[in-house]
PDB file of N, CA and C in Angstrom:
ATOM      1  N   MET A   1     101.155  98.139  81.569  1.00  0.00           N
ATOM      2  CA  MET A   1     101.302  99.201  82.555  1.00  0.00           C
ATOM      3  C   MET A   1     101.489  98.613  83.957  1.00  0.00           C
ATOM      4  N   TYR A   2     100.966  97.410  84.174  1.00  0.00           N
ATOM      5  CA  TYR A   2     101.044  96.788  85.499  1.00  0.00           C
ATOM      6  C   TYR A   2     102.500  96.587  85.932  1.00  0.00           C
ATOM      7  N   LEU A   3     103.360  96.083  85.054  1.00  0.00           N
ATOM      8  CA  LEU A   3     104.766  95.870  85.395  1.00  0.00           C
ATOM      9  C   LEU A   3     105.440  97.197  85.736  1.00  0.00           C
ATOM     10  N   ALA A   4     105.167  98.221  84.960  1.00  0.00           N
ATOM     11  CA  ALA A   4     105.740  99.544  85.230  1.00  0.00           C
ATOM     12  C   ALA A   4     105.290 100.039  86.600  1.00  0.00           C
ATOM     13  N   GLN A   5     104.019  99.891  86.906  1.00  0.00           N
ATOM     14  CA  GLN A   5     103.503 100.332  88.201  1.00  0.00           C
ATOM     15  C   GLN A   5     104.132  99.545  89.347  1.00  0.00           C
ATOM     16  N   MET A   6     104.346  98.268  89.139  1.00  0.00           N
ATOM     17  CA  MET A   6     104.984  97.444  90.170  1.00  0.00           C
ATOM     18  C   MET A   6     106.423  97.895  90.401  1.00  0.00           C
ATOM     19  N   LEU A   7     107.134  98.221  89.338  1.00  0.00           N
ATOM     20  CA  LEU A   7     108.515  98.692  89.474  1.00  0.00           C
ATOM     21  C   LEU A   7     108.568 100.060  90.152  1.00  0.00           C
ATOM     22  N   VAL A   8     107.643 100.937  89.811  1.00  0.00           N
ATOM     23  CA  VAL A   8     107.569 102.246  90.476  1.00  0.00           C
ATOM     24  C   VAL A   8     107.262 102.046  91.964  1.00  0.00           C
ATOM     25  N   ALA A   9     106.352 101.146  92.271  1.00  0.00           N
ATOM     26  CA  ALA A   9     106.024 100.854  93.669  1.00  0.00           C
ATOM     27  C   ALA A   9     107.242 100.281  94.401  1.00  0.00           C
ATOM     28  N   LEU A  10     108.029  99.460  93.734  1.00  0.00           N
ATOM     29  CA  LEU A  10     109.248  98.917  94.333  1.00  0.00           C
ATOM     30  C   LEU A  10     110.226 100.043  94.666  1.00  0.00           C
ATOM     31  N   VAL A  11     110.405 100.969  93.737  1.00  0.00           N
ATOM     32  CA  VAL A  11     111.295 102.112  93.989  1.00  0.00           C
ATOM     33  C   VAL A  11     110.776 102.921  95.176  1.00  0.00           C
ATOM     34  N   ALA A  12     109.466 103.151  95.234  1.00  0.00           N
ATOM     35  CA  ALA A  12     108.878 103.883  96.360  1.00  0.00           C
ATOM     36  C   ALA A  12     109.118 103.128  97.670  1.00  0.00           C
ATOM     37  N   LEU A  13     108.956 101.820  97.648  1.00  0.00           N
ATOM     38  CA  LEU A  13     109.173 101.007  98.844  1.00  0.00           C
ATOM     39  C   LEU A  13     110.635 101.061  99.292  1.00  0.00           C
ATOM     40  N   LEU A  14     111.559 101.002  98.346  1.00  0.00           N
ATOM     41  CA  LEU A  14     112.978 101.129  98.681  1.00  0.00           C
ATOM     42  C   LEU A  14     113.252 102.459  99.381  1.00  0.00           C
ATOM     43  N   HIS A  15     112.688 103.527  98.853  1.00  0.00           N
ATOM     44  CA  HIS A  15     112.928 104.842  99.439  1.00  0.00           C
ATOM     45  C   HIS A  15     112.210 105.020 100.769  1.00  0.00           C
ATOM     46  N   LEU A  16     111.115 104.329 100.955  1.00  0.00           N
ATOM     47  CA  LEU A  16     110.480 104.313 102.277  1.00  0.00           C
ATOM     48  C   LEU A  16     111.417 103.628 103.269  1.00  0.00           C
ATOM     49  N   GLY A  17     112.049 102.549 102.838  1.00  0.00           N
ATOM     50  CA  GLY A  17     113.036 101.875 103.687  1.00  0.00           C
ATOM     51  C   GLY A  17     114.212 102.769 104.014  1.00  0.00           C
ATOM     52  N   PHE A  18     114.704 103.519 103.005  1.00  0.00           N
ATOM     53  CA  PHE A  18     115.800 104.460 103.251  1.00  0.00           C
ATOM     54  C   PHE A  18     115.368 105.514 104.271  1.00  0.00           C
ATOM     55  N   LEU A  19     114.122 106.005 104.136  1.00  0.00           N
ATOM     56  CA  LEU A  19     113.594 106.990 105.084  1.00  0.00           C
ATOM     57  C   LEU A  19     113.654 106.433 106.502  1.00  0.00           C
ATOM     58  N   VAL A  20     113.166 105.224 106.694  1.00  0.00           N
ATOM     59  CA  VAL A  20     113.141 104.616 108.033  1.00  0.00           C
ATOM     60  C   VAL A  20     114.563 104.453 108.569  1.00  0.00           C
ATOM     61  N   LEU A  21     115.458 103.946 107.729  1.00  0.00           N
ATOM     62  CA  LEU A  21     116.848 103.776 108.158  1.00  0.00           C
ATOM     63  C   LEU A  21     117.488 105.109 108.543  1.00  0.00           C
ATOM     64  N   GLU A  22     117.287 106.119 107.730  1.00  0.00           N
ATOM     65  CA  GLU A  22     117.961 107.396 107.941  1.00  0.00           C
ATOM     66  C   GLU A  22     117.324 108.244 109.032  1.00  0.00           C
ATOM     67  N   MET A  23     116.010 108.182 109.162  1.00  0.00           N
ATOM     68  CA  MET A  23     115.338 109.035 110.147  1.00  0.00           C
ATOM     69  C   MET A  23     115.201 108.378 111.518  1.00  0.00           C
ATOM     70  N   PHE A  24     115.046 107.065 111.549  1.00  0.00           N
ATOM     71  CA  PHE A  24     114.704 106.409 112.805  1.00  0.00           C
ATOM     72  C   PHE A  24     115.711 105.361 113.277  1.00  0.00           C
ATOM     73  N   LEU A  25     116.473 104.783 112.365  1.00  0.00           N
ATOM     74  CA  LEU A  25     117.378 103.697 112.755  1.00  0.00           C
ATOM     75  C   LEU A  25     118.853 104.028 112.568  1.00  0.00           C
ATOM     76  N   TRP A  26     119.164 105.265 112.245  1.00  0.00           N
ATOM     77  CA  TRP A  26     120.535 105.666 111.916  1.00  0.00           C
ATOM     78  C   TRP A  26     121.535 105.276 112.993  1.00  0.00           C
ATOM     79  N   THR A  27     121.204 105.529 114.257  1.00  0.00           N
ATOM     80  CA  THR A  27     122.139 105.255 115.349  1.00  0.00           C
ATOM     81  C   THR A  27     121.966 103.861 115.950  1.00  0.00           C
ATOM     82  N   SER A  28     120.990 103.104 115.477  1.00  0.00           N
ATOM     83  CA  SER A  28     120.775 101.742 115.984  1.00  0.00           C
ATOM     84  C   SER A  28     121.818 100.797 115.389  1.00  0.00           C
ATOM     85  N   PRO A  29     121.968  99.626 115.977  1.00  0.00           N
ATOM     86  CA  PRO A  29     122.928  98.659 115.416  1.00  0.00           C
ATOM     87  C   PRO A  29     122.655  98.334 113.939  1.00  0.00           C
ATOM     88  N   ILE A  30     121.402  98.196 113.559  1.00  0.00           N
ATOM     89  CA  ILE A  30     121.101  97.883 112.151  1.00  0.00           C
ATOM     90  C   ILE A  30     121.461  99.054 111.238  1.00  0.00           C
ATOM     91  N   GLY A  31     121.134 100.277 111.655  1.00  0.00           N
ATOM     92  CA  GLY A  31     121.476 101.447 110.857  1.00  0.00           C
ATOM     93  C   GLY A  31     122.976 101.596 110.701  1.00  0.00           C
ATOM     94  N   ARG A  32     123.707 101.410 111.800  1.00  0.00           N
ATOM     95  CA  ARG A  32     125.165 101.519 111.729  1.00  0.00           C
ATOM     96  C   ARG A  32     125.760 100.433 110.836  1.00  0.00           C
ATOM     97  N   LYS A  33     125.183  99.239 110.897  1.00  0.00           N
ATOM     98  CA  LYS A  33     125.687  98.140 110.061  1.00  0.00           C
ATOM     99  C   LYS A  33     125.428  98.412 108.581  1.00  0.00           C
ATOM    100  N   VAL A  34     124.222  98.841 108.250  1.00  0.00           N
ATOM    101  CA  VAL A  34     123.867  99.112 106.853  1.00  0.00           C
ATOM    102  C   VAL A  34     124.776 100.180 106.254  1.00  0.00           C
ATOM    103  N   PHE A  35     125.070 101.209 107.037  1.00  0.00           N
ATOM    104  CA  PHE A  35     125.864 102.323 106.519  1.00  0.00           C
ATOM    105  C   PHE A  35     127.336 102.257 106.926  1.00  0.00           C
ATOM    106  N   GLY A  36     127.739 101.176 107.589  1.00  0.00           N
ATOM    107  CA  GLY A  36     129.142 100.953 107.924  1.00  0.00           C
ATOM    108  C   GLY A  36     129.746 102.014 108.831  1.00  0.00           C
ATOM    109  N   MET A  37     129.040 102.331 109.908  1.00  0.00           N
ATOM    110  CA  MET A  37     129.511 103.391 110.810  1.00  0.00           C
ATOM    111  C   MET A  37     129.644 102.877 112.233  1.00  0.00           C
ATOM    112  N   ASN A  38     130.508 103.524 112.989  1.00  0.00           N
ATOM    113  CA  ASN A  38     130.567 103.246 114.423  1.00  0.00           C
ATOM    114  C   ASN A  38     129.549 104.143 115.125  1.00  0.00           C
ATOM    115  N   ALA A  39     129.341 103.895 116.403  1.00  0.00           N
ATOM    116  CA  ALA A  39     128.327 104.639 117.160  1.00  0.00           C
ATOM    117  C   ALA A  39     128.630 106.134 117.200  1.00  0.00           C
ATOM    118  N   GLU A  40     129.904 106.487 117.324  1.00  0.00           N
ATOM    119  CA  GLU A  40     130.271 107.905 117.407  1.00  0.00           C
ATOM    120  C   GLU A  40     129.943 108.641 116.106  1.00  0.00           C
ATOM    121  N   LYS A  41     130.317 108.069 114.983  1.00  0.00           N
ATOM    122  CA  LYS A  41     130.039 108.712 113.693  1.00  0.00           C
ATOM    123  C   LYS A  41     128.530 108.806 113.456  1.00  0.00           C
ATOM    124  N   ALA A  42     127.796 107.758 113.810  1.00  0.00           N
ATOM    125  CA  ALA A  42     126.339 107.777 113.635  1.00  0.00           C
ATOM    126  C   ALA A  42     125.709 108.891 114.462  1.00  0.00           C
ATOM    127  N   GLU A  43     126.169 109.057 115.673  1.00  0.00           N
ATOM    128  CA  GLU A  43     125.623 110.106 116.550  1.00  0.00           C
ATOM    129  C   GLU A  43     125.912 111.500 115.983  1.00  0.00           C
ATOM    130  N   ILE A  44     127.128 111.690 115.496  1.00  0.00           N
ATOM    131  CA  ILE A  44     127.529 112.992 114.957  1.00  0.00           C
ATOM    132  C   ILE A  44     126.730 113.350 113.698  1.00  0.00           C
ATOM    133  N   THR A  45     126.366 112.346 112.902  1.00  0.00           N
ATOM    134  CA  THR A  45     125.721 112.589 111.600  1.00  0.00           C
ATOM    135  C   THR A  45     124.210 112.354 111.609  1.00  0.00           C
ATOM    136  N   LYS A  46     123.620 112.115 112.764  1.00  0.00           N
ATOM    137  CA  LYS A  46     122.204 111.728 112.777  1.00  0.00           C
ATOM    138  C   LYS A  46     121.259 112.820 112.264  1.00  0.00           C
ATOM    139  N   VAL A  47     121.561 114.082 112.497  1.00  0.00           N
ATOM    140  CA  VAL A  47     120.689 115.153 112.004  1.00  0.00           C
ATOM    141  C   VAL A  47     120.770 115.225 110.482  1.00  0.00           C
ATOM    142  N   MET A  48     121.967 115.108 109.933  1.00  0.00           N
ATOM    143  CA  MET A  48     122.146 115.096 108.477  1.00  0.00           C
ATOM    144  C   MET A  48     121.395 113.906 107.862  1.00  0.00           C
ATOM    145  N   ALA A  49     121.493 112.754 108.516  1.00  0.00           N
ATOM    146  CA  ALA A  49     120.816 111.564 108.006  1.00  0.00           C
ATOM    147  C   ALA A  49     119.295 111.728 108.034  1.00  0.00           C
ATOM    148  N   ALA A  50     118.789 112.333 109.090  1.00  0.00           N
ATOM    149  CA  ALA A  50     117.346 112.557 109.169  1.00  0.00           C
ATOM    150  C   ALA A  50     116.885 113.471 108.033  1.00  0.00           C
ATOM    151  N   ASN A  51     117.690 114.449 107.686  1.00  0.00           N
ATOM    152  CA  ASN A  51     117.378 115.334 106.563  1.00  0.00           C
ATOM    153  C   ASN A  51     117.342 114.531 105.253  1.00  0.00           C
ATOM    154  N   GLN A  52     118.315 113.666 105.067  1.00  0.00           N
ATOM    155  CA  GLN A  52     118.311 112.789 103.874  1.00  0.00           C
ATOM    156  C   GLN A  52     117.059 111.924 103.852  1.00  0.00           C
ATOM    157  N   GLY A  53     116.692 111.401 105.007  1.00  0.00           N
ATOM    158  CA  GLY A  53     115.497 110.564 105.086  1.00  0.00           C
ATOM    159  C   GLY A  53     114.247 111.325 104.698  1.00  0.00           C
ATOM    160  N   LEU A  54     114.183 112.583 105.118  1.00  0.00           N
ATOM    161  CA  LEU A  54     113.031 113.409 104.757  1.00  0.00           C
ATOM    162  C   LEU A  54     112.936 113.575 103.243  1.00  0.00           C
ATOM    163  N   TYR A  55     114.074 113.814 102.596  1.00  0.00           N
ATOM    164  CA  TYR A  55     114.084 113.928 101.134  1.00  0.00           C
ATOM    165  C   TYR A  55     113.628 112.626 100.478  1.00  0.00           C
ATOM    166  N   ASN A  56     114.027 111.502 101.043  1.00  0.00           N
ATOM    167  CA  ASN A  56     113.548 110.227 100.512  1.00  0.00           C
ATOM    168  C   ASN A  56     112.039 110.115 100.663  1.00  0.00           C
ATOM    169  N   GLY A  57     111.511 110.683 101.734  1.00  0.00           N
ATOM    170  CA  GLY A  57     110.065 110.696 101.909  1.00  0.00           C
ATOM    171  C   GLY A  57     109.350 111.483 100.821  1.00  0.00           C
ATOM    172  N   PHE A  58     109.965 112.586 100.399  1.00  0.00           N
ATOM    173  CA  PHE A  58     109.375 113.365  99.300  1.00  0.00           C
ATOM    174  C   PHE A  58     109.363 112.544  98.010  1.00  0.00           C
ATOM    175  N   LEU A  59     110.416 111.763  97.781  1.00  0.00           N
ATOM    176  CA  LEU A  59     110.443 110.905  96.588  1.00  0.00           C
ATOM    177  C   LEU A  59     109.336 109.854  96.666  1.00  0.00           C
ATOM    178  N   VAL A  60     109.157 109.268  97.836  1.00  0.00           N
ATOM    179  CA  VAL A  60     108.075 108.291  98.034  1.00  0.00           C
ATOM    180  C   VAL A  60     106.727 108.939  97.742  1.00  0.00           C
ATOM    181  N   ALA A  61     106.505 110.121  98.304  1.00  0.00           N
ATOM    182  CA  ALA A  61     105.226 110.815  98.103  1.00  0.00           C
ATOM    183  C   ALA A  61     104.980 111.089  96.624  1.00  0.00           C
ATOM    184  N   GLY A  62     105.990 111.543  95.920  1.00  0.00           N
ATOM    185  CA  GLY A  62     105.830 111.827  94.497  1.00  0.00           C
ATOM    186  C   GLY A  62     105.547 110.578  93.678  1.00  0.00           C
ATOM    187  N   LEU A  63     106.256 109.499  93.975  1.00  0.00           N
ATOM    188  CA  LEU A  63     106.022 108.248  93.235  1.00  0.00           C
ATOM    189  C   LEU A  63     104.628 107.704  93.522  1.00  0.00           C
ATOM    190  N   LEU A  64     104.213 107.765  94.776  1.00  0.00           N
ATOM    191  CA  LEU A  64     102.854 107.294  95.110  1.00  0.00           C
ATOM    192  C   LEU A  64     101.785 108.178  94.475  1.00  0.00           C
ATOM    193  N   TRP A  65     102.026 109.459  94.442  1.00  0.00           N
ATOM    194  CA  TRP A  65     101.107 110.395  93.780  1.00  0.00           C
ATOM    195  C   TRP A  65     100.960 109.996  92.317  1.00  0.00           C
ATOM    196  N   GLY A  66     102.062 109.766  91.643  1.00  0.00           N
ATOM    197  CA  GLY A  66     102.018 109.334  90.245  1.00  0.00           C
ATOM    198  C   GLY A  66     101.246 108.040  90.073  1.00  0.00           C
ATOM    199  N   LEU A  67     101.486 107.093  90.971  1.00  0.00           N
ATOM    200  CA  LEU A  67     100.769 105.812  90.886  1.00  0.00           C
ATOM    201  C   LEU A  67      99.271 106.003  91.082  1.00  0.00           C
ATOM    202  N   LEU A  68      98.887 106.844  92.036  1.00  0.00           N
ATOM    203  CA  LEU A  68      97.462 107.073  92.306  1.00  0.00           C
ATOM    204  C   LEU A  68      96.748 107.730  91.129  1.00  0.00           C
ATOM    205  N   LEU A  69      97.481 108.497  90.342  1.00  0.00           N
ATOM    206  CA  LEU A  69      96.884 109.145  89.173  1.00  0.00           C
ATOM    207  C   LEU A  69      96.695 108.192  87.993  1.00  0.00           C
ATOM    208  N   GLY A  70      97.237 106.981  88.098  1.00  0.00           N
ATOM    209  CA  GLY A  70      97.118 106.017  86.998  1.00  0.00           C
ATOM    210  C   GLY A  70      97.883 106.488  85.776  1.00  0.00           C
ATOM    211  N   THR A  71      97.311 106.289  84.601  1.00  0.00           N
ATOM    212  CA  THR A  71      98.019 106.675  83.373  1.00  0.00           C
ATOM    213  C   THR A  71      98.246 108.187  83.302  1.00  0.00           C
ATOM    214  N   ALA A  72      97.372 108.970  83.935  1.00  0.00           N
ATOM    215  CA  ALA A  72      97.578 110.419  83.963  1.00  0.00           C
ATOM    216  C   ALA A  72      98.808 110.788  84.790  1.00  0.00           C
ATOM    217  N   GLY A  73      99.271 109.872  85.631  1.00  0.00           N
ATOM    218  CA  GLY A  73     100.423 110.130  86.482  1.00  0.00           C
ATOM    219  C   GLY A  73     101.764 109.767  85.867  1.00  0.00           C
ATOM    220  N   VAL A  74     101.763 109.320  84.619  1.00  0.00           N
ATOM    221  CA  VAL A  74     103.024 108.938  83.972  1.00  0.00           C
ATOM    222  C   VAL A  74     104.048 110.078  84.006  1.00  0.00           C
ATOM    223  N   PRO A  75     103.699 111.313  83.650  1.00  0.00           N
ATOM    224  CA  PRO A  75     104.702 112.389  83.724  1.00  0.00           C
ATOM    225  C   PRO A  75     105.237 112.607  85.149  1.00  0.00           C
ATOM    226  N   VAL A  76     104.384 112.452  86.135  1.00  0.00           N
ATOM    227  CA  VAL A  76     104.796 112.601  87.530  1.00  0.00           C
ATOM    228  C   VAL A  76     105.787 111.492  87.890  1.00  0.00           C
ATOM    229  N   MET A  77     105.463 110.265  87.507  1.00  0.00           N
ATOM    230  CA  MET A  77     106.367 109.144  87.788  1.00  0.00           C
ATOM    231  C   MET A  77     107.699 109.315  87.062  1.00  0.00           C
ATOM    232  N   ILE A  78     107.657 109.783  85.829  1.00  0.00           N
ATOM    233  CA  ILE A  78     108.898 110.017  85.076  1.00  0.00           C
ATOM    234  C   ILE A  78     109.756 111.059  85.795  1.00  0.00           C
ATOM    235  N   PHE A  79     109.142 112.131  86.253  1.00  0.00           N
ATOM    236  CA  PHE A  79     109.896 113.166  86.959  1.00  0.00           C
ATOM    237  C   PHE A  79     110.556 112.613  88.220  1.00  0.00           C
ATOM    238  N   PHE A  80     109.772 111.932  89.065  1.00  0.00           N
ATOM    239  CA  PHE A  80     110.329 111.461  90.332  1.00  0.00           C
ATOM    240  C   PHE A  80     111.321 110.323  90.136  1.00  0.00           C
ATOM    241  N   LEU A  81     111.101 109.455  89.165  1.00  0.00           N
ATOM    242  CA  LEU A  81     112.102 108.426  88.861  1.00  0.00           C
ATOM    243  C   LEU A  81     113.398 109.076  88.383  1.00  0.00           C
ATOM    244  N   SER A  82     113.277 110.130  87.597  1.00  0.00           N
ATOM    245  CA  SER A  82     114.467 110.856  87.129  1.00  0.00           C
ATOM    246  C   SER A  82     115.220 111.467  88.303  1.00  0.00           C
ATOM    247  N   CYS A  83     114.500 111.998  89.284  1.00  0.00           N
ATOM    248  CA  CYS A  83     115.142 112.533  90.496  1.00  0.00           C
ATOM    249  C   CYS A  83     115.906 111.429  91.228  1.00  0.00           C
ATOM    250  N   VAL A  84     115.302 110.265  91.351  1.00  0.00           N
ATOM    251  CA  VAL A  84     115.950 109.130  92.003  1.00  0.00           C
ATOM    252  C   VAL A  84     117.224 108.745  91.255  1.00  0.00           C
ATOM    253  N   ILE A  85     117.145 108.709  89.943  1.00  0.00           N
ATOM    254  CA  ILE A  85     118.302 108.319  89.128  1.00  0.00           C
ATOM    255  C   ILE A  85     119.433 109.327  89.293  1.00  0.00           C
ATOM    256  N   VAL A  86     119.122 110.607  89.215  1.00  0.00           N
ATOM    257  CA  VAL A  86     120.158 111.643  89.380  1.00  0.00           C
ATOM    258  C   VAL A  86     120.806 111.520  90.765  1.00  0.00           C
ATOM    259  N   ALA A  87     119.993 111.360  91.797  1.00  0.00           N
ATOM    260  CA  ALA A  87     120.536 111.214  93.150  1.00  0.00           C
ATOM    261  C   ALA A  87     121.389 109.951  93.262  1.00  0.00           C
ATOM    262  N   GLY A  88     120.937 108.872  92.636  1.00  0.00           N
ATOM    263  CA  GLY A  88     121.690 107.622  92.680  1.00  0.00           C
ATOM    264  C   GLY A  88     123.017 107.713  91.956  1.00  0.00           C
ATOM    265  N   VAL A  89     123.033 108.354  90.812  1.00  0.00           N
ATOM    266  CA  VAL A  89     124.282 108.526  90.056  1.00  0.00           C
ATOM    267  C   VAL A  89     125.239 109.427  90.839  1.00  0.00           C
ATOM    268  N   TYR A  90     124.719 110.499  91.408  1.00  0.00           N
ATOM    269  CA  TYR A  90     125.563 111.392  92.212  1.00  0.00           C
ATOM    270  C   TYR A  90     126.125 110.648  93.432  1.00  0.00           C
ATOM    271  N   GLY A  91     125.273 109.902  94.100  1.00  0.00           N
ATOM    272  CA  GLY A  91     125.723 109.126  95.259  1.00  0.00           C
ATOM    273  C   GLY A  91     126.765 108.091  94.886  1.00  0.00           C
ATOM    274  N   ALA A  92     126.597 107.454  93.742  1.00  0.00           N
ATOM    275  CA  ALA A  92     127.574 106.472  93.283  1.00  0.00           C
ATOM    276  C   ALA A  92     128.909 107.131  92.977  1.00  0.00           C
ATOM    277  N   ALA A  93     128.861 108.334  92.447  1.00  0.00           N
ATOM    278  CA  ALA A  93     130.092 109.052  92.094  1.00  0.00           C
ATOM    279  C   ALA A  93     130.800 109.631  93.316  1.00  0.00           C
ATOM    280  N   THR A  94     130.034 109.959  94.348  1.00  0.00           N
ATOM    281  CA  THR A  94     130.636 110.672  95.480  1.00  0.00           C
ATOM    282  C   THR A  94     130.743 109.856  96.765  1.00  0.00           C
ATOM    283  N   VAL A  95     129.940 108.799  96.897  1.00  0.00           N
ATOM    284  CA  VAL A  95     129.924 108.048  98.156  1.00  0.00           C
ATOM    285  C   VAL A  95     130.320 106.590  97.946  1.00  0.00           C
ATOM    286  N   SER A  96     129.537 105.866  97.148  1.00  0.00           N
ATOM    287  CA  SER A  96     129.778 104.432  96.959  1.00  0.00           C
ATOM    288  C   SER A  96     129.104 103.964  95.676  1.00  0.00           C
ATOM    289  N   ARG A  97     129.812 103.151  94.914  1.00  0.00           N
ATOM    290  CA  ARG A  97     129.217 102.604  93.684  1.00  0.00           C
ATOM    291  C   ARG A  97     128.003 101.732  93.969  1.00  0.00           C
ATOM    292  N   LYS A  98     127.929 101.198  95.170  1.00  0.00           N
ATOM    293  CA  LYS A  98     126.784 100.369  95.562  1.00  0.00           C
ATOM    294  C   LYS A  98     125.464 101.125  95.379  1.00  0.00           C
ATOM    295  N   ILE A  99     125.499 102.439  95.582  1.00  0.00           N
ATOM    296  CA  ILE A  99     124.296 103.262  95.457  1.00  0.00           C
ATOM    297  C   ILE A  99     123.727 103.188  94.040  1.00  0.00           C
ATOM    298  N   LEU A 100     124.604 103.045  93.059  1.00  0.00           N
ATOM    299  CA  LEU A 100     124.144 102.928  91.673  1.00  0.00           C
ATOM    300  C   LEU A 100     123.216 101.731  91.517  1.00  0.00           C
ATOM    301  N   TRP A 101     123.568 100.630  92.157  1.00  0.00           N
ATOM    302  CA  TRP A 101     122.778  99.396  92.019  1.00  0.00           C
ATOM    303  C   TRP A 101     121.574  99.371  92.938  1.00  0.00           C
ATOM    304  N   VAL A 102     121.716  99.913  94.126  1.00  0.00           N
ATOM    305  CA  VAL A 102     120.619  99.859  95.104  1.00  0.00           C
ATOM    306  C   VAL A 102     119.555 100.906  94.812  1.00  0.00           C
ATOM    307  N   GLN A 103     119.972 102.082  94.346  1.00  0.00           N
ATOM    308  CA  GLN A 103     119.034 103.189  94.166  1.00  0.00           C
ATOM    309  C   GLN A 103     118.743 103.476  92.695  1.00  0.00           C
ATOM    310  N   ALA A 104     119.778 103.692  91.904  1.00  0.00           N
ATOM    311  CA  ALA A 104     119.555 104.134  90.523  1.00  0.00           C
ATOM    312  C   ALA A 104     119.049 103.014  89.615  1.00  0.00           C
ATOM    313  N   ALA A 105     119.612 101.825  89.726  1.00  0.00           N
ATOM    314  CA  ALA A 105     119.238 100.734  88.807  1.00  0.00           C
ATOM    315  C   ALA A 105     117.743 100.388  88.856  1.00  0.00           C
ATOM    316  N   PRO A 106     117.136 100.236  90.054  1.00  0.00           N
ATOM    317  CA  PRO A 106     115.690  99.967  90.057  1.00  0.00           C
ATOM    318  C   PRO A 106     114.877 101.102  89.415  1.00  0.00           C
ATOM    319  N   ALA A 107     115.297 102.343  89.643  1.00  0.00           N
ATOM    320  CA  ALA A 107     114.592 103.482  89.045  1.00  0.00           C
ATOM    321  C   ALA A 107     114.772 103.509  87.531  1.00  0.00           C
ATOM    322  N   ILE A 108     115.961 103.160  87.055  1.00  0.00           N
ATOM    323  CA  ILE A 108     116.204 103.083  85.608  1.00  0.00           C
ATOM    324  C   ILE A 108     115.314 102.010  84.993  1.00  0.00           C
ATOM    325  N   ALA A 109     115.236 100.848  85.649  1.00  0.00           N
ATOM    326  CA  ALA A 109     114.377  99.766  85.144  1.00  0.00           C
ATOM    327  C   ALA A 109     112.921 100.223  85.083  1.00  0.00           C
ATOM    328  N   ALA A 110     112.454 100.883  86.135  1.00  0.00           N
ATOM    329  CA  ALA A 110     111.068 101.369  86.155  1.00  0.00           C
ATOM    330  C   ALA A 110     110.839 102.400  85.058  1.00  0.00           C
ATOM    331  N   LEU A 111     111.799 103.295  84.879  1.00  0.00           N
ATOM    332  CA  LEU A 111     111.666 104.338  83.860  1.00  0.00           C
ATOM    333  C   LEU A 111     111.647 103.741  82.456  1.00  0.00           C
ATOM    334  N   VAL A 112     112.493 102.762  82.215  1.00  0.00           N
ATOM    335  CA  VAL A 112     112.533 102.111  80.896  1.00  0.00           C
ATOM    336  C   VAL A 112     111.209 101.412  80.612  1.00  0.00           C
ATOM    337  N   VAL A 113     110.739 100.626  81.575  1.00  0.00           N
ATOM    338  CA  VAL A 113     109.471  99.913  81.356  1.00  0.00           C
ATOM    339  C   VAL A 113     108.319 100.905  81.218  1.00  0.00           C
ATOM    340  N   LEU A 114     108.314 101.923  82.032  1.00  0.00           N
ATOM    341  CA  LEU A 114     107.273 102.960  81.947  1.00  0.00           C
ATOM    342  C   LEU A 114     107.308 103.621  80.573  1.00  0.00           C
ATOM    343  N   GLY A 115     108.486 103.924  80.072  1.00  0.00           N
ATOM    344  CA  GLY A 115     108.621 104.536  78.760  1.00  0.00           C
ATOM    345  C   GLY A 115     108.190 103.643  77.625  1.00  0.00           C
ATOM    346  N   ILE A 116     108.304 102.341  77.832  1.00  0.00           N
ATOM    347  CA  ILE A 116     107.889 101.381  76.803  1.00  0.00           C
ATOM    348  C   ILE A 116     106.383 101.203  76.793  1.00  0.00           C
ATOM    349  N   VAL A 117     105.777 101.095  77.994  1.00  0.00           N
ATOM    350  CA  VAL A 117     104.342 100.775  78.051  1.00  0.00           C
ATOM    351  C   VAL A 117     103.443 102.003  78.045  1.00  0.00           C
ATOM    352  N   ALA A 118     103.917 103.133  78.535  1.00  0.00           N
ATOM    353  CA  ALA A 118     103.062 104.315  78.639  1.00  0.00           C
ATOM    354  C   ALA A 118     102.451 104.747  77.298  1.00  0.00           C
ATOM    355  N   PRO A 119     103.228 104.755  76.214  1.00  0.00           N
ATOM    356  CA  PRO A 119     102.619 105.168  74.943  1.00  0.00           C
ATOM    357  C   PRO A 119     101.470 104.270  74.496  1.00  0.00           C
ATOM    358  N   PHE A 120     101.438 103.042  74.999  1.00  0.00           N
ATOM    359  CA  PHE A 120     100.405 102.095  74.586  1.00  0.00           C
ATOM    360  C   PHE A 120      99.241 102.025  75.570  1.00  0.00           C
ATOM    361  N   SER A 121      99.340 102.818  76.654  1.00  0.00           N
ATOM    362  CA  SER A 121      98.279 102.749  77.665  1.00  0.00           C
ATOM    363  C   SER A 121      97.559 104.082  77.821  1.00  0.00           C
ATOM    364  N   GLY A 122      97.756 104.962  76.874  1.00  0.00           N
ATOM    365  CA  GLY A 122      97.078 106.250  76.929  1.00  0.00           C
ATOM    366  C   GLY A 122      97.773 107.257  77.818  1.00  0.00           C
ATOM    367  N   GLY A 123      99.017 106.913  78.320  1.00  0.00           N
ATOM    368  CA  GLY A 123      99.737 107.808  79.233  1.00  0.00           C
ATOM    369  C   GLY A 123     100.701 108.709  78.548  1.00  0.00           C
TER     370      GLY A 123
END
């Protein structure tokens, strides 16, 4: 269960990073570089990005909630990892294939490991 929890924590940490980038650093040089935007486009889209960041915060909260519940939180972690995967697949299809690897792949790995170990840990 430890490896699964570490992978879930990694996914939560990634989404915390996305939250910071989207809510607080969107118009900064680092935010513009990460998302490949000029200053004008970043300024025009900053409210939309902050909204995306907030949604990433909800994913972080759900994953952390699942982790805090321990084995009882397995269904919660499965739900929120599934949300991450769906968002990652949609983003890869509509924005950039890179999203599949940065967002969906870590969540898929966590979900697979969680699905393998949970039945053996009372979850």
